[in-house]
Amino acid sequence: MKSRSPKRTRAGFTLLEVLLAVTILGILISAVYSTWSAALNGWRRGSDASEVFQRQRIVMETLKELTQSLVFFSASPTLYTVIGTKTSGLGDSVSFVTASDSFLPPSEASEAGLRRVTISMEQDPYRRTYLAIVNQLALRPDDTSGEQPQAHVISMDVSGFAIRYRNARDGTWNDKWDDPSVPPSALEFTVAFGEPGDRLPPIVVTRAVEIPVAVFIAQGMGIPLGQGTTNQVQRQNINLGLPQNNAGQASSTPQPGGEQ
């Protein structure tokens, strides 16, 4: 009698099964990678937006601190006069005496206390524009040392800068300031953040800042304060020197002011 040989067991997978398993694994890996990549890109965008917002906040807070610390003495108006010019090209410029030490480098510590600051747009040797501040001794306007004051960078992300001045007498806003006898009661800064040539339009931030000393100066001179406020700023077209679009308008519209 013949003995039966044992039944052969299956020793491995067929080629079709292997290909099917590899395909399923590839789909799973692709799905996981897509989800991870989307989450990473979202985190990067959020981080970049947060960093940009932080830089913008620092710039606006610096302008606010310098302005609120503005110093003016009627007995010596030529030393403390506010000089505001409206220019084409790079943007506006403002100069005043402040008691703030904001953006005062250690190399210029001798100018701490009272210093005259000039805030304007400048260009570096590579023709890149930036928002700059120049510090000078407040009580030595006739300094003849011949040394050119150094411009320090406030922000390289600024592509446009405009200033308006509120008249303490009638509350009107002006594009320039040429009254040496009194300071304006408020300054309105309009700053365009963004690199020139970017595909997206710049982010334009406007802030109007009250000048506390202007109230006391006006009262001491018997000047009735105007009714204009920084909470209701009536604004015309502001030329920041930004690129124009096809309609001939600035590529970004200033946001309503009112922050103090």
C-alpha atoms as a PDB file:
ATOM      1  CA  MET A   1       0.000   0.000   0.000  1.00  0.00           C
ATOM      2  CA  LYS A   2       1.371   3.378  -1.051  1.00  0.00           C
ATOM      3  CA  SER A   3       1.837   6.046   1.578  1.00  0.00           C
ATOM      4  CA  ARG A   4       0.524   9.520   0.743  1.00  0.00           C
ATOM      5  CA  SER A   5       3.058  12.360   0.614  1.00  0.00           C
ATOM      6  CA  PRO A   6       2.236  15.320   2.844  1.00  0.00           C
ATOM      7  CA  LYS A   7       0.413  18.263   1.200  1.00  0.00           C
ATOM      8  CA  ARG A   8       2.694  21.120   0.237  1.00  0.00           C
ATOM      9  CA  THR A   9       2.150  24.349   2.161  1.00  0.00           C
ATOM     10  CA  ARG A  10       2.267  27.814   0.573  1.00  0.00           C
ATOM     11  CA  ALA A  11       5.790  29.215   1.019  1.00  0.00           C
ATOM     12  CA  GLY A  12       5.381  32.948  -0.035  1.00  0.00           C
ATOM     13  CA  PHE A  13       3.393  35.722  -1.741  1.00  0.00           C
ATOM     14  CA  THR A  14       2.646  35.940  -5.381  1.00  0.00           C
ATOM     15  CA  LEU A  15       4.008  38.812  -7.440  1.00  0.00           C
ATOM     16  CA  LEU A  16       0.531  40.352  -7.678  1.00  0.00           C
ATOM     17  CA  GLU A  17       0.160  40.398  -3.913  1.00  0.00           C
ATOM     18  CA  VAL A  18       3.547  42.047  -3.479  1.00  0.00           C
ATOM     19  CA  LEU A  19       2.713  44.748  -6.035  1.00  0.00           C
ATOM     20  CA  LEU A  20      -0.641  45.371  -4.357  1.00  0.00           C
ATOM     21  CA  ALA A  21       0.977  45.743  -0.934  1.00  0.00           C
ATOM     22  CA  VAL A  22       3.624  48.123  -2.279  1.00  0.00           C
ATOM     23  CA  THR A  23       0.940  50.221  -3.973  1.00  0.00           C
ATOM     24  CA  ILE A  24      -1.118  50.485  -0.789  1.00  0.00           C
ATOM     25  CA  LEU A  25       1.981  51.394   1.226  1.00  0.00           C
ATOM     26  CA  GLY A  26       2.902  54.088  -1.313  1.00  0.00           C
ATOM     27  CA  ILE A  27      -0.600  55.574  -1.115  1.00  0.00           C
ATOM     28  CA  LEU A  28      -0.422  55.685   2.677  1.00  0.00           C
ATOM     29  CA  ILE A  29       3.032  57.285   2.661  1.00  0.00           C
ATOM     30  CA  SER A  30       1.901  59.845   0.088  1.00  0.00           C
ATOM     31  CA  ALA A  31      -1.170  60.753   2.169  1.00  0.00           C
ATOM     32  CA  VAL A  32       0.877  61.110   5.361  1.00  0.00           C
ATOM     33  CA  TYR A  33       3.498  63.246   3.587  1.00  0.00           C
ATOM     34  CA  SER A  34       0.848  65.504   2.026  1.00  0.00           C
ATOM     35  CA  THR A  35      -0.774  66.072   5.409  1.00  0.00           C
ATOM     36  CA  TRP A  36       2.567  66.739   7.059  1.00  0.00           C
ATOM     37  CA  SER A  37       3.685  69.075   4.273  1.00  0.00           C
ATOM     38  CA  ALA A  38       0.427  71.063   4.429  1.00  0.00           C
ATOM     39  CA  ALA A  39       0.730  71.393   8.200  1.00  0.00           C
ATOM     40  CA  LEU A  40       4.378  72.478   7.918  1.00  0.00           C
ATOM     41  CA  ASN A  41       3.585  75.075   5.251  1.00  0.00           C
ATOM     42  CA  GLY A  42       0.734  76.393   7.355  1.00  0.00           C
ATOM     43  CA  TRP A  43       3.018  76.691  10.371  1.00  0.00           C
ATOM     44  CA  ARG A  44       5.650  78.489   8.295  1.00  0.00           C
ATOM     45  CA  ARG A  45       3.112  80.955   6.913  1.00  0.00           C
ATOM     46  CA  GLY A  46       1.787  81.607  10.387  1.00  0.00           C
ATOM     47  CA  SER A  47       5.295  82.043  11.758  1.00  0.00           C
ATOM     48  CA  ASP A  48       6.255  84.412   8.925  1.00  0.00           C
ATOM     49  CA  ALA A  49       3.073  86.448   9.404  1.00  0.00           C
ATOM     50  CA  SER A  50       3.722  86.663  13.146  1.00  0.00           C
ATOM     51  CA  GLU A  51       7.309  87.790  12.542  1.00  0.00           C
ATOM     52  CA  VAL A  52       6.208  90.435  10.031  1.00  0.00           C
ATOM     53  CA  PHE A  53       3.537  91.712  12.419  1.00  0.00           C
ATOM     54  CA  GLN A  54       6.100  91.897  15.228  1.00  0.00           C
ATOM     55  CA  ARG A  55       8.486  93.950  13.076  1.00  0.00           C
ATOM     56  CA  GLN A  56       5.664  96.286  12.096  1.00  0.00           C
ATOM     57  CA  ARG A  57       4.615  96.696  15.719  1.00  0.00           C
ATOM     58  CA  ILE A  58       8.179  97.557  16.770  1.00  0.00           C
ATOM     59  CA  VAL A  59       8.441 100.251  14.084  1.00  0.00           C
ATOM     60  CA  MET A  60       5.110 101.858  14.968  1.00  0.00           C
ATOM     61  CA  GLU A  61       5.785 101.693  18.711  1.00  0.00           C
ATOM     62  CA  THR A  62       9.187 103.316  18.161  1.00  0.00           C
ATOM     63  CA  LEU A  63       7.620 106.182  16.227  1.00  0.00           C
ATOM     64  CA  LYS A  64       4.993 106.547  18.938  1.00  0.00           C
ATOM     65  CA  GLU A  65       7.540 106.639  21.781  1.00  0.00           C
ATOM     66  CA  LEU A  66       9.762 109.178  20.029  1.00  0.00           C
ATOM     67  CA  THR A  67       6.786 111.420  19.242  1.00  0.00           C
ATOM     68  CA  GLN A  68       5.180 111.323  22.673  1.00  0.00           C
ATOM     69  CA  SER A  69       8.551 112.286  24.197  1.00  0.00           C
ATOM     70  CA  LEU A  70       8.836 115.348  21.944  1.00  0.00           C
ATOM     71  CA  VAL A  71      10.329 118.332  23.807  1.00  0.00           C
ATOM     72  CA  PHE A  72       9.589 121.986  23.063  1.00  0.00           C
ATOM     73  CA  PHE A  73      10.408 125.200  24.948  1.00  0.00           C
ATOM     74  CA  SER A  74       8.825 128.426  23.763  1.00  0.00           C
ATOM     75  CA  ALA A  75      11.753 130.428  25.166  1.00  0.00           C
ATOM     76  CA  SER A  76      14.083 128.841  22.578  1.00  0.00           C
ATOM     77  CA  PRO A  77      11.891 127.886  19.626  1.00  0.00           C
ATOM     78  CA  THR A  78      14.781 127.791  17.154  1.00  0.00           C
ATOM     79  CA  LEU A  79      16.416 124.957  19.113  1.00  0.00           C
ATOM     80  CA  TYR A  80      13.253 122.897  19.516  1.00  0.00           C
ATOM     81  CA  THR A  81      11.316 123.658  16.355  1.00  0.00           C
ATOM     82  CA  VAL A  82       9.622 120.782  14.546  1.00  0.00           C
ATOM     83  CA  ILE A  83      10.678 120.545  10.911  1.00  0.00           C
ATOM     84  CA  GLY A  84       8.464 118.557   8.604  1.00  0.00           C
ATOM     85  CA  THR A  85       8.944 118.397   4.861  1.00  0.00           C
ATOM     86  CA  LYS A  86       6.856 116.848   2.113  1.00  0.00           C
ATOM     87  CA  THR A  87       9.079 115.471  -0.611  1.00  0.00           C
ATOM     88  CA  SER A  88       8.765 113.305  -3.687  1.00  0.00           C
ATOM     89  CA  GLY A  89      10.908 110.276  -4.345  1.00  0.00           C
ATOM     90  CA  LEU A  90      12.035 108.597  -1.146  1.00  0.00           C
ATOM     91  CA  GLY A  91       9.284 109.971   1.083  1.00  0.00           C
ATOM     92  CA  ASP A  92       8.673 112.464   3.877  1.00  0.00           C
ATOM     93  CA  SER A  93      11.039 113.619   6.593  1.00  0.00           C
ATOM     94  CA  VAL A  94      10.452 114.927  10.118  1.00  0.00           C
ATOM     95  CA  SER A  95      12.910 116.338  12.646  1.00  0.00           C
ATOM     96  CA  PHE A  96      12.256 117.183  16.297  1.00  0.00           C
ATOM     97  CA  VAL A  97      13.851 117.106  19.752  1.00  0.00           C
ATOM     98  CA  THR A  98      12.931 114.141  21.937  1.00  0.00           C
ATOM     99  CA  ALA A  99      13.757 112.909  25.417  1.00  0.00           C
ATOM    100  CA  SER A 100      13.359 109.266  24.409  1.00  0.00           C
ATOM    101  CA  ASP A 101      16.420 107.025  24.160  1.00  0.00           C
ATOM    102  CA  SER A 102      14.741 104.690  21.691  1.00  0.00           C
ATOM    103  CA  PHE A 103      17.097 103.643  18.848  1.00  0.00           C
ATOM    104  CA  LEU A 104      20.035 105.427  20.447  1.00  0.00           C
ATOM    105  CA  PRO A 105      23.147 103.258  19.900  1.00  0.00           C
ATOM    106  CA  PRO A 106      25.826 103.017  22.620  1.00  0.00           C
ATOM    107  CA  SER A 107      28.271 104.828  20.337  1.00  0.00           C
ATOM    108  CA  GLU A 108      26.077 107.941  20.589  1.00  0.00           C
ATOM    109  CA  ALA A 109      25.349 107.734  24.317  1.00  0.00           C
ATOM    110  CA  SER A 110      26.559 111.327  24.725  1.00  0.00           C
ATOM    111  CA  GLU A 111      23.342 112.441  23.034  1.00  0.00           C
ATOM    112  CA  ALA A 112      21.141 110.750  25.634  1.00  0.00           C
ATOM    113  CA  GLY A 113      18.660 112.975  27.423  1.00  0.00           C
ATOM    114  CA  LEU A 114      17.760 115.492  24.742  1.00  0.00           C
ATOM    115  CA  ARG A 115      18.589 114.810  21.133  1.00  0.00           C
ATOM    116  CA  ARG A 116      17.303 115.925  17.768  1.00  0.00           C
ATOM    117  CA  VAL A 117      16.123 113.034  15.664  1.00  0.00           C
ATOM    118  CA  THR A 118      15.473 113.078  11.946  1.00  0.00           C
ATOM    119  CA  ILE A 119      13.294 110.262  10.608  1.00  0.00           C
ATOM    120  CA  SER A 120      13.228 109.689   6.869  1.00  0.00           C
ATOM    121  CA  MET A 121      13.671 107.175   4.072  1.00  0.00           C
ATOM    122  CA  GLU A 122      17.258 106.552   2.978  1.00  0.00           C
ATOM    123  CA  GLN A 123      19.120 104.348   0.496  1.00  0.00           C
ATOM    124  CA  ASP A 124      22.039 102.028   1.195  1.00  0.00           C
ATOM    125  CA  PRO A 125      24.986 101.586  -1.239  1.00  0.00           C
ATOM    126  CA  TYR A 126      22.949  98.891  -3.033  1.00  0.00           C
ATOM    127  CA  ARG A 127      20.086 101.372  -3.579  1.00  0.00           C
ATOM    128  CA  ARG A 128      17.828  99.515  -1.170  1.00  0.00           C
ATOM    129  CA  THR A 129      15.476 101.845   0.667  1.00  0.00           C
ATOM    130  CA  TYR A 130      14.975 101.720   4.409  1.00  0.00           C
ATOM    131  CA  LEU A 131      13.455 103.780   7.212  1.00  0.00           C
ATOM    132  CA  ALA A 132      16.277 105.581   9.022  1.00  0.00           C
ATOM    133  CA  ILE A 133      16.891 107.748  12.068  1.00  0.00           C
ATOM    134  CA  VAL A 134      19.683 110.288  12.525  1.00  0.00           C
ATOM    135  CA  ASN A 135      20.650 111.487  16.018  1.00  0.00           C
ATOM    136  CA  GLN A 136      22.201 114.863  16.737  1.00  0.00           C
ATOM    137  CA  LEU A 137      22.899 116.897  19.848  1.00  0.00           C
ATOM    138  CA  ALA A 138      19.820 118.994  20.532  1.00  0.00           C
ATOM    139  CA  LEU A 139      21.608 121.967  22.047  1.00  0.00           C
ATOM    140  CA  ARG A 140      24.356 122.191  19.435  1.00  0.00           C
ATOM    141  CA  PRO A 141      22.583 122.978  16.150  1.00  0.00           C
ATOM    142  CA  ASP A 142      25.596 124.981  14.964  1.00  0.00           C
ATOM    143  CA  ASP A 143      28.034 122.088  15.328  1.00  0.00           C
ATOM    144  CA  THR A 144      30.829 122.724  12.841  1.00  0.00           C
ATOM    145  CA  SER A 145      32.840 119.590  13.453  1.00  0.00           C
ATOM    146  CA  GLY A 146      32.269 118.613   9.840  1.00  0.00           C
ATOM    147  CA  GLU A 147      31.270 115.071  10.725  1.00  0.00           C
ATOM    148  CA  GLN A 148      28.287 113.744   8.816  1.00  0.00           C
ATOM    149  CA  PRO A 149      25.759 112.263  11.249  1.00  0.00           C
ATOM    150  CA  GLN A 150      25.242 108.557  10.751  1.00  0.00           C
ATOM    151  CA  ALA A 151      21.870 107.202   9.664  1.00  0.00           C
ATOM    152  CA  HIS A 152      20.749 104.155  11.644  1.00  0.00           C
ATOM    153  CA  VAL A 153      18.302 101.595  10.307  1.00  0.00           C
ATOM    154  CA  ILE A 154      14.880 101.455  11.938  1.00  0.00           C
ATOM    155  CA  SER A 155      13.558  98.924   9.427  1.00  0.00           C
ATOM    156  CA  MET A 156      14.631  97.520   6.059  1.00  0.00           C
ATOM    157  CA  ASP A 157      11.057  96.369   5.406  1.00  0.00           C
ATOM    158  CA  VAL A 158       9.656  99.870   4.845  1.00  0.00           C
ATOM    159  CA  SER A 159       9.022 100.913   1.247  1.00  0.00           C
ATOM    160  CA  GLY A 160       7.025 104.116   1.843  1.00  0.00           C
ATOM    161  CA  PHE A 161       6.775 106.778   4.546  1.00  0.00           C
ATOM    162  CA  ALA A 162       4.415 109.752   4.855  1.00  0.00           C
ATOM    163  CA  ILE A 163       3.683 112.187   7.695  1.00  0.00           C
ATOM    164  CA  ARG A 164       0.935 114.670   8.433  1.00  0.00           C
ATOM    165  CA  TYR A 165       0.799 117.341  11.132  1.00  0.00           C
ATOM    166  CA  ARG A 166      -2.216 118.510  13.100  1.00  0.00           C
ATOM    167  CA  ASN A 167      -2.448 122.242  13.697  1.00  0.00           C
ATOM    168  CA  ALA A 168      -3.199 123.027  17.337  1.00  0.00           C
ATOM    169  CA  ARG A 169      -5.033 126.209  16.372  1.00  0.00           C
ATOM    170  CA  ASP A 170      -7.767 124.792  14.156  1.00  0.00           C
ATOM    171  CA  GLY A 171      -7.338 121.006  14.268  1.00  0.00           C
ATOM    172  CA  THR A 172      -6.585 120.714  10.548  1.00  0.00           C
ATOM    173  CA  TRP A 173      -4.084 118.216   9.165  1.00  0.00           C
ATOM    174  CA  ASN A 174      -1.213 119.473   6.992  1.00  0.00           C
ATOM    175  CA  ASP A 175       1.306 117.700   4.776  1.00  0.00           C
ATOM    176  CA  LYS A 176       4.227 119.764   6.086  1.00  0.00           C
ATOM    177  CA  TRP A 177       5.086 121.814   9.144  1.00  0.00           C
ATOM    178  CA  ASP A 178       6.827 125.192   8.979  1.00  0.00           C
ATOM    179  CA  ASP A 179       5.648 126.990  12.137  1.00  0.00           C
ATOM    180  CA  PRO A 180       8.695 127.397  14.412  1.00  0.00           C
ATOM    181  CA  SER A 181       6.744 128.985  17.274  1.00  0.00           C
ATOM    182  CA  VAL A 182       4.637 125.959  18.256  1.00  0.00           C
ATOM    183  CA  PRO A 183       4.752 122.202  17.741  1.00  0.00           C
ATOM    184  CA  PRO A 184       1.911 120.324  16.032  1.00  0.00           C
ATOM    185  CA  SER A 185      -0.596 118.798  18.430  1.00  0.00           C
ATOM    186  CA  ALA A 186      -0.253 115.375  16.776  1.00  0.00           C
ATOM    187  CA  LEU A 187       1.718 113.532  14.128  1.00  0.00           C
ATOM    188  CA  GLU A 188       0.190 111.001  11.768  1.00  0.00           C
ATOM    189  CA  PHE A 189       2.557 108.352  10.417  1.00  0.00           C
ATOM    190  CA  THR A 190       1.675 106.283   7.364  1.00  0.00           C
ATOM    191  CA  VAL A 191       4.163 103.471   6.801  1.00  0.00           C
ATOM    192  CA  ALA A 192       4.172 101.009   3.902  1.00  0.00           C
ATOM    193  CA  PHE A 193       5.720  97.662   4.818  1.00  0.00           C
ATOM    194  CA  GLY A 194       6.985  95.430   2.026  1.00  0.00           C
ATOM    195  CA  GLU A 195       9.923  95.028  -0.302  1.00  0.00           C
ATOM    196  CA  PRO A 196       9.768  97.063  -3.531  1.00  0.00           C
ATOM    197  CA  GLY A 197       8.919  94.811  -6.460  1.00  0.00           C
ATOM    198  CA  ASP A 198       7.030  92.216  -4.424  1.00  0.00           C
ATOM    199  CA  ARG A 199       4.131  90.497  -6.153  1.00  0.00           C
ATOM    200  CA  LEU A 200       1.792  91.417  -3.304  1.00  0.00           C
ATOM    201  CA  PRO A 201       0.978  95.052  -2.498  1.00  0.00           C
ATOM    202  CA  PRO A 202       2.602  96.508   0.598  1.00  0.00           C
ATOM    203  CA  ILE A 203       0.836  96.530   3.957  1.00  0.00           C
ATOM    204  CA  VAL A 204       0.109 100.150   4.851  1.00  0.00           C
ATOM    205  CA  VAL A 205      -0.294 101.077   8.512  1.00  0.00           C
ATOM    206  CA  THR A 206      -1.399 104.503   9.728  1.00  0.00           C
ATOM    207  CA  ARG A 207      -1.135 105.748  13.301  1.00  0.00           C
ATOM    208  CA  ALA A 208      -1.852 109.205  14.667  1.00  0.00           C
ATOM    209  CA  VAL A 209       0.046 110.067  17.850  1.00  0.00           C
ATOM    210  CA  GLU A 210      -0.850 112.899  20.235  1.00  0.00           C
ATOM    211  CA  ILE A 211       1.975 115.171  21.424  1.00  0.00           C
ATOM    212  CA  PRO A 212       1.393 115.875  25.151  1.00  0.00           C
ATOM    213  CA  VAL A 213       3.701 118.913  25.343  1.00  0.00           C
ATOM    214  CA  ALA A 214       1.754 120.661  22.562  1.00  0.00           C
ATOM    215  CA  VAL A 215      -1.288 121.026  24.836  1.00  0.00           C
ATOM    216  CA  PHE A 216       0.720 122.885  27.494  1.00  0.00           C
ATOM    217  CA  ILE A 217       2.449 125.069  24.910  1.00  0.00           C
ATOM    218  CA  ALA A 218      -0.867 126.055  23.341  1.00  0.00           C
ATOM    219  CA  GLN A 219      -2.450 126.798  26.699  1.00  0.00           C
ATOM    220  CA  GLY A 220       0.536 128.885  27.781  1.00  0.00           C
ATOM    221  CA  MET A 221       0.335 130.936  24.589  1.00  0.00           C
ATOM    222  CA  GLY A 222      -3.432 131.330  24.860  1.00  0.00           C
ATOM    223  CA  ILE A 223      -4.079 129.331  21.708  1.00  0.00           C
ATOM    224  CA  PRO A 224      -7.506 127.642  21.725  1.00  0.00           C
ATOM    225  CA  LEU A 225      -7.058 124.015  20.792  1.00  0.00           C
ATOM    226  CA  GLY A 226      -8.741 122.891  17.592  1.00  0.00           C
ATOM    227  CA  GLN A 227     -11.400 120.231  17.574  1.00  0.00           C
ATOM    228  CA  GLY A 228      -9.508 117.735  15.426  1.00  0.00           C
ATOM    229  CA  THR A 229      -8.809 114.378  17.049  1.00  0.00           C
ATOM    230  CA  THR A 230      -6.752 111.365  16.173  1.00  0.00           C
ATOM    231  CA  ASN A 231      -9.879 109.222  16.317  1.00  0.00           C
ATOM    232  CA  GLN A 232     -11.485 110.911  13.312  1.00  0.00           C
ATOM    233  CA  VAL A 233      -8.790 111.471  10.754  1.00  0.00           C
ATOM    234  CA  GLN A 234      -9.996 112.809   7.415  1.00  0.00           C
ATOM    235  CA  ARG A 235      -7.450 111.655   4.865  1.00  0.00           C
ATOM    236  CA  GLN A 236      -6.840 112.590   1.261  1.00  0.00           C
ATOM    237  CA  ASN A 237      -4.690 110.603  -1.162  1.00  0.00           C
ATOM    238  CA  ILE A 238      -1.307 110.041   0.465  1.00  0.00           C
ATOM    239  CA  ASN A 239       1.650 109.735  -1.867  1.00  0.00           C
ATOM    240  CA  LEU A 240       4.111 107.240  -0.424  1.00  0.00           C
ATOM    241  CA  GLY A 241       6.170 106.957  -3.569  1.00  0.00           C
ATOM    242  CA  LEU A 242       4.886 103.410  -4.066  1.00  0.00           C
ATOM    243  CA  PRO A 243       4.573 101.672  -7.442  1.00  0.00           C
ATOM    244  CA  GLN A 244       1.394 102.542  -9.298  1.00  0.00           C
ATOM    245  CA  ASN A 245      -1.041  99.986 -10.675  1.00  0.00           C
ATOM    246  CA  ASN A 246      -2.800 100.122 -14.013  1.00  0.00           C
ATOM    247  CA  ALA A 247      -5.484 102.422 -12.661  1.00  0.00           C
ATOM    248  CA  GLY A 248      -2.877 104.941 -11.589  1.00  0.00           C
ATOM    249  CA  GLN A 249      -3.548 104.391  -7.899  1.00  0.00           C
ATOM    250  CA  ALA A 250      -1.117 103.327  -5.212  1.00  0.00           C
ATOM    251  CA  SER A 251      -0.852  99.572  -4.909  1.00  0.00           C
ATOM    252  CA  SER A 252      -2.143  99.708  -1.353  1.00  0.00           C
ATOM    253  CA  THR A 253      -4.607 101.985   0.399  1.00  0.00           C
ATOM    254  CA  PRO A 254      -3.781 103.442   3.841  1.00  0.00           C
ATOM    255  CA  GLN A 255      -5.823 101.965   6.649  1.00  0.00           C
ATOM    256  CA  PRO A 256      -7.938 104.257   8.849  1.00  0.00           C
ATOM    257  CA  GLY A 257      -5.973 105.921  11.608  1.00  0.00           C
ATOM    258  CA  GLY A 258      -6.939 106.543  15.189  1.00  0.00           C
ATOM    259  CA  GLU A 259      -4.477 104.603  17.307  1.00  0.00           C
ATOM    260  CA  GLN A 260      -2.840 106.609  20.056  1.00  0.00           C
END
